[in-house]
């Protein structure tokens, strides 16, 4: 029996049916879990950050990504002027995206707690 005859007698190769594989439902469920646990919370966090930066106004206390604390003196569309030192009246321009958080809500909560 030679190689050609052996190959001719072999049954035809069939491709596996992907949709009947047990891996397909597992992959679909993994995709759904990924969307629910990773992508949706990230979108919510991004939207919350955009609203925070959009609603920033004069007088808000903020913290930059670098840890600099200051009070907003002027808020423009792309940058923010912060007063970082009261004694020397030091003011620094920061990109609006460099603001990590606005502490205006914290200050309001502290005032409300002090008033009680």
C-alpha atoms as a PDB file:
ATOM      1  CA  UNK A   1       0.000   0.000   0.000  1.00  0.00           C
ATOM      2  CA  UNK A   2       1.538   3.207  -1.112  1.00  0.00           C
ATOM      3  CA  UNK A   3       0.985   6.728   0.229  1.00  0.00           C
ATOM      4  CA  UNK A   4      -1.314   7.825  -2.603  1.00  0.00           C
ATOM      5  CA  UNK A   5      -3.634   4.890  -2.147  1.00  0.00           C
ATOM      6  CA  UNK A   6      -3.638   5.446   1.649  1.00  0.00           C
ATOM      7  CA  UNK A   7      -4.652   9.105   1.191  1.00  0.00           C
ATOM      8  CA  UNK A   8      -7.311   8.163  -1.331  1.00  0.00           C
ATOM      9  CA  UNK A   9      -8.887   5.680   1.098  1.00  0.00           C
ATOM     10  CA  UNK A  10      -8.961   8.156   4.020  1.00  0.00           C
ATOM     11  CA  UNK A  11     -12.370   9.541   4.939  1.00  0.00           C
ATOM     12  CA  UNK A  12     -12.969  13.127   3.850  1.00  0.00           C
ATOM     13  CA  UNK A  13     -12.011  15.701   6.471  1.00  0.00           C
ATOM     14  CA  UNK A  14     -14.886  17.701   7.870  1.00  0.00           C
ATOM     15  CA  UNK A  15     -14.669  21.069   9.499  1.00  0.00           C
ATOM     16  CA  UNK A  16     -16.036  21.322  13.010  1.00  0.00           C
ATOM     17  CA  UNK A  17     -19.329  23.149  13.323  1.00  0.00           C
ATOM     18  CA  UNK A  18     -18.523  26.221  15.427  1.00  0.00           C
ATOM     19  CA  UNK A  19     -22.085  26.909  16.479  1.00  0.00           C
ATOM     20  CA  UNK A  20     -22.448  23.500  18.073  1.00  0.00           C
ATOM     21  CA  UNK A  21     -19.250  23.860  20.053  1.00  0.00           C
ATOM     22  CA  UNK A  22     -19.593  24.301  23.837  1.00  0.00           C
ATOM     23  CA  UNK A  23     -17.107  27.190  23.658  1.00  0.00           C
ATOM     24  CA  UNK A  24     -19.481  29.514  21.788  1.00  0.00           C
ATOM     25  CA  UNK A  25     -22.000  30.058  24.608  1.00  0.00           C
ATOM     26  CA  UNK A  26     -19.100  30.411  27.032  1.00  0.00           C
ATOM     27  CA  UNK A  27     -17.495  33.113  24.864  1.00  0.00           C
ATOM     28  CA  UNK A  28     -20.816  34.949  24.496  1.00  0.00           C
ATOM     29  CA  UNK A  29     -21.361  34.900  28.265  1.00  0.00           C
ATOM     30  CA  UNK A  30     -17.802  36.113  28.832  1.00  0.00           C
ATOM     31  CA  UNK A  31     -18.464  39.005  26.442  1.00  0.00           C
ATOM     32  CA  UNK A  32     -21.672  39.973  28.261  1.00  0.00           C
ATOM     33  CA  UNK A  33     -19.939  39.848  31.648  1.00  0.00           C
ATOM     34  CA  UNK A  34     -17.092  42.002  30.285  1.00  0.00           C
ATOM     35  CA  UNK A  35     -19.546  44.633  29.063  1.00  0.00           C
ATOM     36  CA  UNK A  36     -21.505  44.673  32.325  1.00  0.00           C
ATOM     37  CA  UNK A  37     -18.531  44.676  34.694  1.00  0.00           C
ATOM     38  CA  UNK A  38     -15.987  46.773  32.789  1.00  0.00           C
ATOM     39  CA  UNK A  39     -17.363  48.886  29.966  1.00  0.00           C
ATOM     40  CA  UNK A  40     -20.624  50.202  31.467  1.00  0.00           C
ATOM     41  CA  UNK A  41     -19.070  51.394  34.767  1.00  0.00           C
ATOM     42  CA  UNK A  42     -16.231  53.061  32.847  1.00  0.00           C
ATOM     43  CA  UNK A  43     -18.727  54.949  30.674  1.00  0.00           C
ATOM     44  CA  UNK A  44     -20.635  56.073  33.766  1.00  0.00           C
ATOM     45  CA  UNK A  45     -17.409  57.248  35.416  1.00  0.00           C
ATOM     46  CA  UNK A  46     -16.329  59.146  32.276  1.00  0.00           C
ATOM     47  CA  UNK A  47     -19.723  60.855  32.012  1.00  0.00           C
ATOM     48  CA  UNK A  48     -19.598  61.826  35.694  1.00  0.00           C
ATOM     49  CA  UNK A  49     -16.091  63.302  35.239  1.00  0.00           C
ATOM     50  CA  UNK A  50     -17.167  65.276  32.161  1.00  0.00           C
ATOM     51  CA  UNK A  51     -20.128  66.721  34.060  1.00  0.00           C
ATOM     52  CA  UNK A  52     -17.873  67.616  37.006  1.00  0.00           C
ATOM     53  CA  UNK A  53     -15.427  69.467  34.747  1.00  0.00           C
ATOM     54  CA  UNK A  54     -18.252  71.171  32.842  1.00  0.00           C
ATOM     55  CA  UNK A  55     -19.988  72.360  36.035  1.00  0.00           C
ATOM     56  CA  UNK A  56     -16.805  73.756  37.623  1.00  0.00           C
ATOM     57  CA  UNK A  57     -17.195  77.440  38.478  1.00  0.00           C
ATOM     58  CA  UNK A  58     -15.479  80.311  40.242  1.00  0.00           C
ATOM     59  CA  UNK A  59     -14.994  79.727  43.953  1.00  0.00           C
ATOM     60  CA  UNK A  60     -14.917  75.912  43.782  1.00  0.00           C
ATOM     61  CA  UNK A  61     -12.087  74.246  45.660  1.00  0.00           C
ATOM     62  CA  UNK A  62     -10.338  71.700  43.443  1.00  0.00           C
ATOM     63  CA  UNK A  63      -7.511  69.206  43.516  1.00  0.00           C
ATOM     64  CA  UNK A  64      -5.356  68.600  40.459  1.00  0.00           C
ATOM     65  CA  UNK A  65      -4.038  65.251  39.310  1.00  0.00           C
ATOM     66  CA  UNK A  66      -0.650  66.291  40.730  1.00  0.00           C
ATOM     67  CA  UNK A  67      -2.165  66.938  44.156  1.00  0.00           C
ATOM     68  CA  UNK A  68      -2.190  70.749  44.036  1.00  0.00           C
ATOM     69  CA  UNK A  69      -5.110  72.203  45.989  1.00  0.00           C
ATOM     70  CA  UNK A  70      -6.561  75.550  44.994  1.00  0.00           C
ATOM     71  CA  UNK A  71      -9.599  77.704  44.512  1.00  0.00           C
ATOM     72  CA  UNK A  72     -10.937  78.443  41.033  1.00  0.00           C
ATOM     73  CA  UNK A  73     -10.456  82.108  40.133  1.00  0.00           C
ATOM     74  CA  UNK A  74     -11.343  81.862  36.456  1.00  0.00           C
ATOM     75  CA  UNK A  75     -12.722  78.929  34.473  1.00  0.00           C
ATOM     76  CA  UNK A  76     -12.382  78.938  30.696  1.00  0.00           C
ATOM     77  CA  UNK A  77     -13.400  76.286  28.219  1.00  0.00           C
ATOM     78  CA  UNK A  78      -9.949  74.671  28.025  1.00  0.00           C
ATOM     79  CA  UNK A  79      -8.124  75.860  31.160  1.00  0.00           C
ATOM     80  CA  UNK A  80      -8.625  76.956  34.742  1.00  0.00           C
ATOM     81  CA  UNK A  81      -6.844  79.593  36.843  1.00  0.00           C
ATOM     82  CA  UNK A  82      -6.306  78.394  40.401  1.00  0.00           C
ATOM     83  CA  UNK A  83      -5.285  80.446  43.405  1.00  0.00           C
ATOM     84  CA  UNK A  84      -2.944  78.090  45.233  1.00  0.00           C
ATOM     85  CA  UNK A  85      -1.513  80.365  47.967  1.00  0.00           C
ATOM     86  CA  UNK A  86      -3.476  82.983  49.890  1.00  0.00           C
ATOM     87  CA  UNK A  87      -0.496  84.721  51.498  1.00  0.00           C
ATOM     88  CA  UNK A  88       1.452  85.432  48.294  1.00  0.00           C
ATOM     89  CA  UNK A  89      -1.628  85.462  46.035  1.00  0.00           C
ATOM     90  CA  UNK A  90      -0.051  82.809  43.769  1.00  0.00           C
ATOM     91  CA  UNK A  91      -2.192  81.824  40.792  1.00  0.00           C
ATOM     92  CA  UNK A  92      -1.441  79.051  38.295  1.00  0.00           C
ATOM     93  CA  UNK A  93      -3.133  78.080  35.014  1.00  0.00           C
ATOM     94  CA  UNK A  94      -4.032  74.409  34.679  1.00  0.00           C
ATOM     95  CA  UNK A  95      -5.552  72.483  31.825  1.00  0.00           C
ATOM     96  CA  UNK A  96      -9.169  71.655  32.613  1.00  0.00           C
ATOM     97  CA  UNK A  97      -8.359  67.958  32.183  1.00  0.00           C
ATOM     98  CA  UNK A  98      -5.716  68.220  34.936  1.00  0.00           C
ATOM     99  CA  UNK A  99      -8.438  68.655  37.563  1.00  0.00           C
ATOM    100  CA  UNK A 100      -8.923  65.407  39.484  1.00  0.00           C
ATOM    101  CA  UNK A 101     -11.865  66.428  41.642  1.00  0.00           C
ATOM    102  CA  UNK A 102     -13.965  69.380  42.692  1.00  0.00           C
ATOM    103  CA  UNK A 103     -14.287  69.785  46.442  1.00  0.00           C
ATOM    104  CA  UNK A 104     -17.285  72.141  46.310  1.00  0.00           C
ATOM    105  CA  UNK A 105     -19.632  69.405  47.501  1.00  0.00           C
ATOM    106  CA  UNK A 106     -17.266  68.557  50.371  1.00  0.00           C
ATOM    107  CA  UNK A 107     -17.175  72.200  51.457  1.00  0.00           C
ATOM    108  CA  UNK A 108     -21.000  72.433  51.364  1.00  0.00           C
ATOM    109  CA  UNK A 109     -21.293  69.246  53.436  1.00  0.00           C
ATOM    110  CA  UNK A 110     -18.782  70.580  55.970  1.00  0.00           C
ATOM    111  CA  UNK A 111     -20.675  73.891  56.279  1.00  0.00           C
ATOM    112  CA  UNK A 112     -23.976  72.051  56.711  1.00  0.00           C
ATOM    113  CA  UNK A 113     -22.451  69.800  59.402  1.00  0.00           C
ATOM    114  CA  UNK A 114     -20.950  72.810  61.203  1.00  0.00           C
ATOM    115  CA  UNK A 115     -24.308  74.598  61.183  1.00  0.00           C
ATOM    116  CA  UNK A 116     -26.048  71.670  62.936  1.00  0.00           C
END
